[in-house]
Amino acid sequence: MPTLLVFCACPDAVTADRLARAVVEARLAACVNVLPGIRSTYRWHERVEQADEVLLLIKTGAARLDALTRRLRELHPYELPEVLAVEASAGLPEYLDWVAQQTRDHD
């Protein structure tokens, strides 16, 4: 199963921590890094905006992406949250196996 890195920007550390904990507890992610101190520049409703944000770097299996995306949309305060997945082309095999094991659907 491919391993994905999913980026998700949050408005603040409290939101980022809440989302990180929720997706790991639900086994939708094996690990989430919380990266504070990012500054985003983007176009929204025909205006160029800037915001200080906190970035989540979520490690998950490809099979869990749809469920992860749904959960992030449910919990995220933004009207249109960033959920951007990139496939890891390589990595330590034991780590990739761990991600797969931690995100296995246990339902």
Protein backbone atom coordinates (compact mmCIF):
# COMPACT_ATOMS: atom_id res chain seq x y z
CA MET A 1 0.00 0.00 0.00
CA PRO A 2 1.45 3.39 -0.93
CA THR A 3 2.28 5.81 1.86
CA LEU A 4 0.97 9.34 1.50
CA LEU A 5 2.05 12.66 3.00
CA VAL A 6 -1.03 14.84 3.43
CA PHE A 7 -0.70 18.59 3.98
CA CYS A 8 -3.39 20.44 5.88
CA ALA A 9 -3.08 24.09 7.01
CA CYS A 10 -4.87 25.11 10.21
CA PRO A 11 -5.67 28.56 11.60
CA ASP A 12 -3.99 27.97 14.98
CA ALA A 13 -2.19 25.48 17.24
CA VAL A 14 -5.32 24.48 19.15
CA THR A 15 -7.10 23.46 15.94
CA ALA A 16 -3.98 21.71 14.63
CA ASP A 17 -3.54 19.69 17.83
CA ARG A 18 -7.23 18.76 17.89
CA LEU A 19 -7.19 17.54 14.29
CA ALA A 20 -3.87 15.71 14.71
CA ARG A 21 -5.11 13.81 17.75
CA ALA A 22 -8.46 12.99 16.14
CA VAL A 23 -7.01 11.45 12.98
CA VAL A 24 -4.37 9.42 14.84
CA GLU A 25 -6.90 8.14 17.38
CA ALA A 26 -9.18 7.08 14.50
CA ARG A 27 -6.28 5.27 12.77
CA LEU A 28 -6.63 7.55 9.77
CA ALA A 29 -3.01 8.60 10.25
CA ALA A 30 0.02 6.89 11.75
CA CYS A 31 1.72 10.16 12.66
CA VAL A 32 1.06 13.87 12.34
CA ASN A 33 3.78 16.50 12.56
CA VAL A 34 2.56 19.93 13.63
CA LEU A 35 4.65 22.68 12.04
CA PRO A 36 3.95 26.12 13.52
CA GLY A 37 4.95 29.45 12.10
CA ILE A 38 3.98 29.21 8.44
CA ARG A 39 2.67 32.19 6.52
CA SER A 40 0.30 31.47 3.66
CA THR A 41 -0.47 33.78 0.75
CA TYR A 42 -3.46 32.82 -1.38
CA ARG A 43 -6.33 34.15 -3.45
CA TRP A 44 -9.75 33.79 -1.83
CA HIS A 45 -13.00 35.38 -3.07
CA GLU A 46 -11.05 37.43 -5.62
CA ARG A 47 -8.72 38.94 -3.03
CA VAL A 48 -5.11 38.14 -2.20
CA GLU A 49 -5.01 37.16 1.47
CA GLN A 50 -2.26 36.32 3.94
CA ALA A 51 -2.59 34.33 7.14
CA ASP A 52 -0.37 32.88 9.84
CA GLU A 53 -1.13 29.19 10.03
CA VAL A 54 0.01 25.88 11.48
CA LEU A 55 0.72 23.08 9.00
CA LEU A 56 -0.11 19.44 9.59
CA LEU A 57 2.06 16.87 7.83
CA ILE A 58 0.00 13.70 8.03
CA LYS A 59 1.40 10.26 7.24
CA THR A 60 -1.20 7.73 6.11
CA GLY A 61 -1.85 4.83 3.78
CA ALA A 62 -3.47 5.44 0.41
CA ALA A 63 -6.43 3.26 1.36
CA ARG A 64 -7.29 5.65 4.21
CA LEU A 65 -7.18 8.89 2.19
CA ASP A 66 -10.92 9.14 1.52
CA ALA A 67 -11.84 8.55 5.18
CA LEU A 68 -9.09 10.94 6.32
CA THR A 69 -10.34 13.63 3.93
CA ARG A 70 -13.93 13.22 5.15
CA ARG A 71 -12.85 13.50 8.80
CA LEU A 72 -10.70 16.58 8.15
CA ARG A 73 -13.63 18.27 6.37
CA GLU A 74 -15.91 17.45 9.32
CA LEU A 75 -13.53 18.88 11.93
CA HIS A 76 -11.85 21.74 10.10
CA PRO A 77 -13.12 25.28 10.65
CA TYR A 78 -12.21 26.48 7.14
CA GLU A 79 -14.87 26.58 4.44
CA LEU A 80 -12.36 24.93 2.08
CA PRO A 81 -9.58 23.20 4.01
CA GLU A 82 -6.30 22.32 2.36
CA VAL A 83 -6.06 18.55 1.96
CA LEU A 84 -3.24 17.81 -0.44
CA ALA A 85 -1.79 14.31 -0.70
CA VAL A 86 1.60 13.41 -2.16
CA GLU A 87 2.81 9.83 -2.53
CA ALA A 88 6.11 8.99 -0.85
CA SER A 89 8.35 7.59 -3.57
CA ALA A 90 10.67 5.88 -1.09
CA GLY A 91 11.42 5.53 2.59
CA LEU A 92 12.80 3.29 5.29
CA PRO A 93 10.90 0.02 4.67
CA GLU A 94 10.27 -0.55 8.37
CA TYR A 95 8.78 2.94 8.71
CA LEU A 96 6.54 2.47 5.68
CA ASP A 97 5.38 -0.87 7.14
CA TRP A 98 4.66 0.86 10.45
CA VAL A 99 2.52 3.49 8.70
CA ALA A 100 0.59 0.74 6.94
CA GLN A 101 0.08 -1.18 10.18
CA GLN A 102 -1.06 1.87 12.15
CA THR A 103 -3.59 2.92 9.52
CA ARG A 104 -5.10 -0.48 8.87
CA ASP A 105 -8.90 -0.40 9.10
CA HIS A 106 -9.78 -2.21 12.34
CA ASP A 107 -13.56 -2.01 11.90
